[in-house]
Amino acid sequence: MHGRVLDNLKDYAVRALVNAVDHLGTVAYKLADLLEQQALDVAAMDLQVTSINQQLLTCQTFANKEGLRQQQLLAIIPQHHKHYILSDSINKKVHFSPQMHADVRQNLLPAKVRNQTSGGMK
């Protein structure tokens, strides 16, 4: 009987070891598959980042060229100050003299202040 129990125990140990190795193989296969899928995901994201960087570089290049073009246009266009030229007929109608401004100010000031500023004290 001892021999039979010992044989059963050996068979059980061998089956347990085979099951454990099989289970480890399955786990290793699934882990390798998961790592491969993650590597593919990382590669896809890297491709997207590269594409976005290329688009950004294109936009920056365009913005730089457009800015340079506008600066060159500003350098070419002469800068003129605006001048307002009135015709002779308008100049004759609208004539301002320093005396006229002084008279207007005198009329706006109270009499007491006018007398003090003119030098006379009453």
N, C-alpha and C. Protein backbone atom coordinates (compact mmCIF):
# COMPACT_ATOMS: atom_id res chain seq x y z
N MET A 1 0.77 -1.19 0.00
CA MET A 1 0.00 0.00 0.00
C MET A 1 0.82 1.27 0.00
N HIS A 2 1.91 1.17 0.69
CA HIS A 2 2.75 2.35 0.72
C HIS A 2 3.21 2.73 -0.66
N GLY A 3 3.47 1.79 -1.47
CA GLY A 3 3.94 2.05 -2.82
C GLY A 3 2.87 2.73 -3.67
N ARG A 4 1.65 2.30 -3.46
CA ARG A 4 0.56 2.87 -4.23
C ARG A 4 0.30 4.32 -3.81
N VAL A 5 0.34 4.63 -2.52
CA VAL A 5 0.15 5.98 -2.00
C VAL A 5 1.29 6.86 -2.50
N LEU A 6 2.50 6.30 -2.48
CA LEU A 6 3.65 7.06 -2.95
C LEU A 6 3.53 7.36 -4.45
N ASP A 7 3.07 6.40 -5.24
CA ASP A 7 2.87 6.63 -6.68
C ASP A 7 1.79 7.68 -6.92
N ASN A 8 0.71 7.61 -6.17
CA ASN A 8 -0.36 8.62 -6.31
C ASN A 8 0.15 10.02 -5.95
N LEU A 9 0.95 10.06 -4.91
CA LEU A 9 1.52 11.34 -4.49
C LEU A 9 2.45 11.89 -5.57
N LYS A 10 3.27 11.03 -6.18
CA LYS A 10 4.16 11.47 -7.27
C LYS A 10 3.33 11.98 -8.45
N ASP A 11 2.29 11.21 -8.84
CA ASP A 11 1.44 11.64 -9.96
C ASP A 11 0.79 13.00 -9.67
N TYR A 12 0.34 13.14 -8.43
CA TYR A 12 -0.31 14.40 -8.04
C TYR A 12 0.69 15.55 -8.13
N ALA A 13 1.91 15.33 -7.66
CA ALA A 13 2.94 16.37 -7.68
C ALA A 13 3.30 16.74 -9.12
N VAL A 14 3.41 15.73 -9.99
CA VAL A 14 3.74 16.00 -11.39
C VAL A 14 2.61 16.80 -12.05
N ARG A 15 1.35 16.39 -11.82
CA ARG A 15 0.21 17.12 -12.42
C ARG A 15 0.16 18.56 -11.89
N ALA A 16 0.41 18.75 -10.59
CA ALA A 16 0.41 20.09 -10.01
C ALA A 16 1.51 20.95 -10.63
N LEU A 17 2.68 20.34 -10.82
CA LEU A 17 3.79 21.07 -11.44
C LEU A 17 3.47 21.42 -12.89
N VAL A 18 2.88 20.48 -13.64
CA VAL A 18 2.50 20.74 -15.04
C VAL A 18 1.45 21.86 -15.09
N ASN A 19 0.47 21.82 -14.21
CA ASN A 19 -0.57 22.87 -14.16
C ASN A 19 0.04 24.23 -13.83
N ALA A 20 0.97 24.24 -12.88
CA ALA A 20 1.61 25.49 -12.50
C ALA A 20 2.42 26.07 -13.67
N VAL A 21 3.17 25.21 -14.37
CA VAL A 21 3.95 25.66 -15.53
C VAL A 21 3.01 26.16 -16.63
N ASP A 22 1.92 25.41 -16.86
CA ASP A 22 0.94 25.82 -17.87
C ASP A 22 0.33 27.18 -17.51
N HIS A 23 0.00 27.35 -16.24
CA HIS A 23 -0.58 28.62 -15.79
C HIS A 23 0.42 29.77 -15.96
N LEU A 24 1.67 29.52 -15.59
CA LEU A 24 2.72 30.54 -15.77
C LEU A 24 2.90 30.88 -17.25
N GLY A 25 2.82 29.88 -18.11
CA GLY A 25 2.93 30.13 -19.55
C GLY A 25 1.79 31.01 -20.05
N THR A 26 0.57 30.73 -19.58
CA THR A 26 -0.59 31.53 -19.97
C THR A 26 -0.43 32.96 -19.49
N VAL A 27 -0.03 33.14 -18.24
CA VAL A 27 0.17 34.48 -17.68
C VAL A 27 1.26 35.21 -18.46
N ALA A 28 2.35 34.52 -18.76
CA ALA A 28 3.45 35.15 -19.51
C ALA A 28 2.98 35.56 -20.91
N TYR A 29 2.19 34.71 -21.57
CA TYR A 29 1.68 35.03 -22.90
C TYR A 29 0.77 36.26 -22.83
N LYS A 30 -0.15 36.28 -21.84
CA LYS A 30 -1.06 37.43 -21.71
C LYS A 30 -0.30 38.70 -21.37
N LEU A 31 0.71 38.59 -20.53
CA LEU A 31 1.52 39.75 -20.16
C LEU A 31 2.30 40.27 -21.38
N ALA A 32 2.87 39.38 -22.15
CA ALA A 32 3.60 39.78 -23.36
C ALA A 32 2.65 40.44 -24.34
N ASP A 33 1.43 39.89 -24.48
CA ASP A 33 0.44 40.47 -25.38
C ASP A 33 0.05 41.88 -24.91
N LEU A 34 -0.15 42.02 -23.60
CA LEU A 34 -0.50 43.34 -23.04
C LEU A 34 0.63 44.34 -23.27
N LEU A 35 1.86 43.92 -23.03
CA LEU A 35 3.01 44.82 -23.26
C LEU A 35 3.13 45.20 -24.73
N GLU A 36 2.88 44.25 -25.63
CA GLU A 36 2.94 44.55 -27.05
C GLU A 36 1.86 45.55 -27.44
N GLN A 37 0.65 45.37 -26.88
CA GLN A 37 -0.45 46.30 -27.18
C GLN A 37 -0.11 47.70 -26.65
N GLN A 38 0.46 47.77 -25.45
CA GLN A 38 0.85 49.07 -24.89
C GLN A 38 1.96 49.70 -25.72
N ALA A 39 2.88 48.91 -26.22
CA ALA A 39 3.94 49.45 -27.08
C ALA A 39 3.34 50.01 -28.37
N LEU A 40 2.33 49.33 -28.92
CA LEU A 40 1.65 49.84 -30.12
C LEU A 40 0.92 51.14 -29.80
N ASP A 41 0.27 51.21 -28.62
CA ASP A 41 -0.41 52.44 -28.22
C ASP A 41 0.56 53.60 -28.06
N VAL A 42 1.71 53.31 -27.44
CA VAL A 42 2.73 54.35 -27.27
C VAL A 42 3.25 54.82 -28.63
N ALA A 43 3.45 53.87 -29.54
CA ALA A 43 3.92 54.25 -30.88
C ALA A 43 2.88 55.11 -31.59
N ALA A 44 1.59 54.77 -31.44
CA ALA A 44 0.53 55.56 -32.07
C ALA A 44 0.49 56.97 -31.46
N MET A 45 0.60 57.07 -30.13
CA MET A 45 0.62 58.39 -29.49
C MET A 45 1.85 59.18 -29.90
N ASP A 46 2.98 58.51 -30.05
CA ASP A 46 4.20 59.18 -30.50
C ASP A 46 4.01 59.74 -31.90
N LEU A 47 3.34 58.98 -32.75
CA LEU A 47 3.05 59.45 -34.10
C LEU A 47 2.12 60.67 -34.07
N GLN A 48 1.12 60.64 -33.18
CA GLN A 48 0.21 61.79 -33.04
C GLN A 48 0.96 63.02 -32.54
N VAL A 49 1.82 62.84 -31.55
CA VAL A 49 2.60 63.96 -31.02
C VAL A 49 3.52 64.53 -32.09
N THR A 50 4.14 63.66 -32.87
CA THR A 50 5.00 64.11 -33.96
C THR A 50 4.19 64.91 -34.98
N SER A 51 2.99 64.43 -35.29
CA SER A 51 2.12 65.13 -36.23
C SER A 51 1.72 66.50 -35.69
N ILE A 52 1.36 66.57 -34.42
CA ILE A 52 0.98 67.85 -33.80
C ILE A 52 2.18 68.80 -33.78
N ASN A 53 3.36 68.28 -33.46
CA ASN A 53 4.57 69.12 -33.47
C ASN A 53 4.84 69.66 -34.87
N GLN A 54 4.63 68.83 -35.88
CA GLN A 54 4.84 69.27 -37.26
C GLN A 54 3.84 70.37 -37.62
N GLN A 55 2.58 70.19 -37.22
CA GLN A 55 1.56 71.22 -37.48
C GLN A 55 1.90 72.52 -36.77
N LEU A 56 2.34 72.41 -35.51
CA LEU A 56 2.74 73.59 -34.74
C LEU A 56 3.92 74.30 -35.40
N LEU A 57 4.89 73.54 -35.85
CA LEU A 57 6.05 74.12 -36.54
C LEU A 57 5.61 74.82 -37.81
N THR A 58 4.68 74.22 -38.55
CA THR A 58 4.16 74.85 -39.77
C THR A 58 3.47 76.16 -39.44
N CYS A 59 2.65 76.16 -38.37
CA CYS A 59 1.96 77.39 -37.96
C CYS A 59 2.95 78.47 -37.53
N GLN A 60 3.96 78.08 -36.76
CA GLN A 60 4.96 79.05 -36.31
C GLN A 60 5.74 79.61 -37.50
N THR A 61 6.07 78.76 -38.45
CA THR A 61 6.79 79.23 -39.63
C THR A 61 5.93 80.21 -40.41
N PHE A 62 4.66 79.88 -40.58
CA PHE A 62 3.75 80.78 -41.29
C PHE A 62 3.62 82.11 -40.54
N ALA A 63 3.45 82.04 -39.21
CA ALA A 63 3.30 83.27 -38.41
C ALA A 63 4.57 84.12 -38.51
N ASN A 64 5.73 83.48 -38.45
CA ASN A 64 6.98 84.23 -38.56
C ASN A 64 7.12 84.88 -39.93
N LYS A 65 6.78 84.13 -40.98
CA LYS A 65 6.88 84.70 -42.34
C LYS A 65 5.88 85.83 -42.51
N GLU A 66 4.65 85.66 -41.99
CA GLU A 66 3.64 86.71 -42.12
C GLU A 66 4.05 87.95 -41.33
N GLY A 67 4.59 87.75 -40.12
CA GLY A 67 5.05 88.89 -39.33
C GLY A 67 6.18 89.62 -40.02
N LEU A 68 7.12 88.87 -40.59
CA LEU A 68 8.22 89.48 -41.32
C LEU A 68 7.71 90.23 -42.54
N ARG A 69 6.74 89.64 -43.25
CA ARG A 69 6.17 90.30 -44.43
C ARG A 69 5.50 91.62 -44.04
N GLN A 70 4.76 91.61 -42.93
CA GLN A 70 4.08 92.83 -42.50
C GLN A 70 5.09 93.88 -42.06
N GLN A 71 6.15 93.47 -41.40
CA GLN A 71 7.19 94.44 -41.02
C GLN A 71 7.86 95.03 -42.24
N GLN A 72 8.09 94.20 -43.25
CA GLN A 72 8.70 94.70 -44.48
C GLN A 72 7.76 95.68 -45.18
N LEU A 73 6.45 95.38 -45.15
CA LEU A 73 5.49 96.30 -45.75
C LEU A 73 5.49 97.63 -45.02
N LEU A 74 5.57 97.59 -43.68
CA LEU A 74 5.59 98.83 -42.92
C LEU A 74 6.86 99.63 -43.20
N ALA A 75 7.94 98.93 -43.45
CA ALA A 75 9.20 99.62 -43.75
C ALA A 75 9.14 100.27 -45.13
N ILE A 76 8.38 99.69 -46.04
CA ILE A 76 8.28 100.22 -47.41
C ILE A 76 7.32 101.41 -47.46
N ILE A 77 6.21 101.32 -46.76
CA ILE A 77 5.20 102.36 -46.82
C ILE A 77 5.72 103.60 -46.09
N PRO A 78 5.79 104.74 -46.77
CA PRO A 78 6.29 105.95 -46.10
C PRO A 78 5.27 106.42 -45.06
N GLN A 79 5.79 106.92 -43.98
CA GLN A 79 4.92 107.43 -42.92
C GLN A 79 4.69 108.91 -43.14
N HIS A 80 3.44 109.31 -43.28
CA HIS A 80 3.08 110.70 -43.48
C HIS A 80 2.23 111.16 -42.30
N HIS A 81 2.45 112.38 -41.89
CA HIS A 81 1.60 112.96 -40.88
C HIS A 81 0.40 113.55 -41.56
N LYS A 82 -0.73 113.46 -40.92
CA LYS A 82 -1.94 114.03 -41.51
C LYS A 82 -1.89 115.54 -41.41
N HIS A 83 -2.19 116.20 -42.48
CA HIS A 83 -2.27 117.65 -42.52
C HIS A 83 -3.69 118.02 -42.91
N TYR A 84 -4.21 118.97 -42.21
CA TYR A 84 -5.55 119.45 -42.55
C TYR A 84 -5.38 120.81 -43.22
N ILE A 85 -5.69 120.87 -44.46
CA ILE A 85 -5.53 122.09 -45.23
C ILE A 85 -6.92 122.66 -45.49
N LEU A 86 -7.13 123.90 -45.06
CA LEU A 86 -8.41 124.56 -45.27
C LEU A 86 -8.31 125.43 -46.51
N SER A 87 -9.37 125.50 -47.23
CA SER A 87 -9.36 126.36 -48.41
C SER A 87 -9.35 127.82 -47.97
N ASP A 88 -9.01 128.73 -48.87
CA ASP A 88 -8.93 130.16 -48.54
C ASP A 88 -10.26 130.71 -48.07
N SER A 89 -11.35 130.26 -48.65
CA SER A 89 -12.65 130.79 -48.25
C SER A 89 -12.98 130.40 -46.81
N ILE A 90 -12.58 129.22 -46.40
CA ILE A 90 -12.82 128.80 -45.01
C ILE A 90 -11.89 129.55 -44.07
N ASN A 91 -10.62 129.76 -44.48
CA ASN A 91 -9.67 130.49 -43.65
C ASN A 91 -10.16 131.90 -43.36
N LYS A 92 -10.82 132.53 -44.31
CA LYS A 92 -11.31 133.89 -44.10
C LYS A 92 -12.49 133.90 -43.14
N LYS A 93 -13.33 132.86 -43.19
CA LYS A 93 -14.48 132.79 -42.29
C LYS A 93 -14.07 132.45 -40.87
N VAL A 94 -13.10 131.56 -40.74
CA VAL A 94 -12.66 131.12 -39.43
C VAL A 94 -11.30 131.71 -39.17
N HIS A 95 -11.25 132.79 -38.41
CA HIS A 95 -9.99 133.45 -38.14
C HIS A 95 -9.89 133.65 -36.63
N PHE A 96 -8.87 133.05 -36.07
CA PHE A 96 -8.69 133.17 -34.63
C PHE A 96 -7.49 134.06 -34.36
N SER A 97 -7.65 134.96 -33.43
CA SER A 97 -6.52 135.81 -33.05
C SER A 97 -6.31 135.67 -31.55
N PRO A 98 -5.08 135.89 -31.08
CA PRO A 98 -4.82 135.80 -29.64
C PRO A 98 -5.67 136.78 -28.85
N GLN A 99 -5.92 137.97 -29.40
CA GLN A 99 -6.73 138.98 -28.71
C GLN A 99 -8.14 138.46 -28.47
N MET A 100 -8.68 137.76 -29.47
CA MET A 100 -10.04 137.24 -29.36
C MET A 100 -10.13 136.24 -28.21
N HIS A 101 -9.11 135.38 -28.07
CA HIS A 101 -9.11 134.41 -26.97
C HIS A 101 -9.02 135.11 -25.62
N ALA A 102 -8.20 136.15 -25.51
CA ALA A 102 -8.06 136.88 -24.25
C ALA A 102 -9.38 137.54 -23.88
N ASP A 103 -10.08 138.12 -24.88
CA ASP A 103 -11.36 138.77 -24.60
C ASP A 103 -12.38 137.77 -24.09
N VAL A 104 -12.41 136.61 -24.68
CA VAL A 104 -13.36 135.57 -24.24
C VAL A 104 -13.06 135.17 -22.81
N ARG A 105 -11.77 135.01 -22.49
CA ARG A 105 -11.42 134.64 -21.11
C ARG A 105 -11.77 135.75 -20.13
N GLN A 106 -11.55 136.98 -20.52
CA GLN A 106 -11.88 138.11 -19.65
C GLN A 106 -13.36 138.12 -19.33
N ASN A 107 -14.20 137.84 -20.30
CA ASN A 107 -15.65 137.85 -20.09
C ASN A 107 -16.10 136.71 -19.19
N LEU A 108 -15.34 135.61 -19.15
CA LEU A 108 -15.72 134.46 -18.33
C LEU A 108 -15.29 134.63 -16.88
N LEU A 109 -14.24 135.43 -16.60
CA LEU A 109 -13.75 135.61 -15.24
C LEU A 109 -14.64 136.59 -14.49
N PRO A 110 -14.83 136.38 -13.18
CA PRO A 110 -15.58 137.36 -12.39
C PRO A 110 -14.81 138.69 -12.34
N ALA A 111 -15.52 139.78 -12.11
CA ALA A 111 -14.93 141.13 -12.14
C ALA A 111 -13.82 141.27 -11.11
N LYS A 112 -13.99 140.71 -9.93
CA LYS A 112 -13.00 140.85 -8.87
C LYS A 112 -11.68 140.20 -9.28
N VAL A 113 -11.77 138.99 -9.86
CA VAL A 113 -10.56 138.29 -10.30
C VAL A 113 -9.93 139.03 -11.46
N ARG A 114 -10.73 139.60 -12.38
CA ARG A 114 -10.21 140.35 -13.52
C ARG A 114 -9.42 141.55 -13.06
N ASN A 115 -9.90 142.22 -12.06
CA ASN A 115 -9.21 143.40 -11.58
C ASN A 115 -7.88 143.05 -10.93
N GLN A 116 -7.86 141.90 -10.21
CA GLN A 116 -6.62 141.52 -9.54
C GLN A 116 -5.57 141.09 -10.55
N THR A 117 -5.99 140.41 -11.60
CA THR A 117 -5.02 139.94 -12.58
C THR A 117 -4.55 141.08 -13.47
N SER A 118 -5.34 142.11 -13.62
CA SER A 118 -4.93 143.21 -14.49
C SER A 118 -4.02 144.19 -13.75
N GLY A 119 -3.82 143.95 -12.46
CA GLY A 119 -2.90 144.79 -11.73
C GLY A 119 -3.57 145.87 -10.93
N GLY A 120 -4.80 146.13 -11.15
CA GLY A 120 -5.50 147.19 -10.42
C GLY A 120 -6.28 146.61 -9.26
N MET A 121 -6.19 147.24 -8.09
CA MET A 121 -6.94 146.77 -6.93
C MET A 121 -7.99 147.78 -6.60
N LYS A 122 -9.24 147.41 -6.55
CA LYS A 122 -10.31 148.34 -6.27
C LYS A 122 -11.03 147.98 -5.03
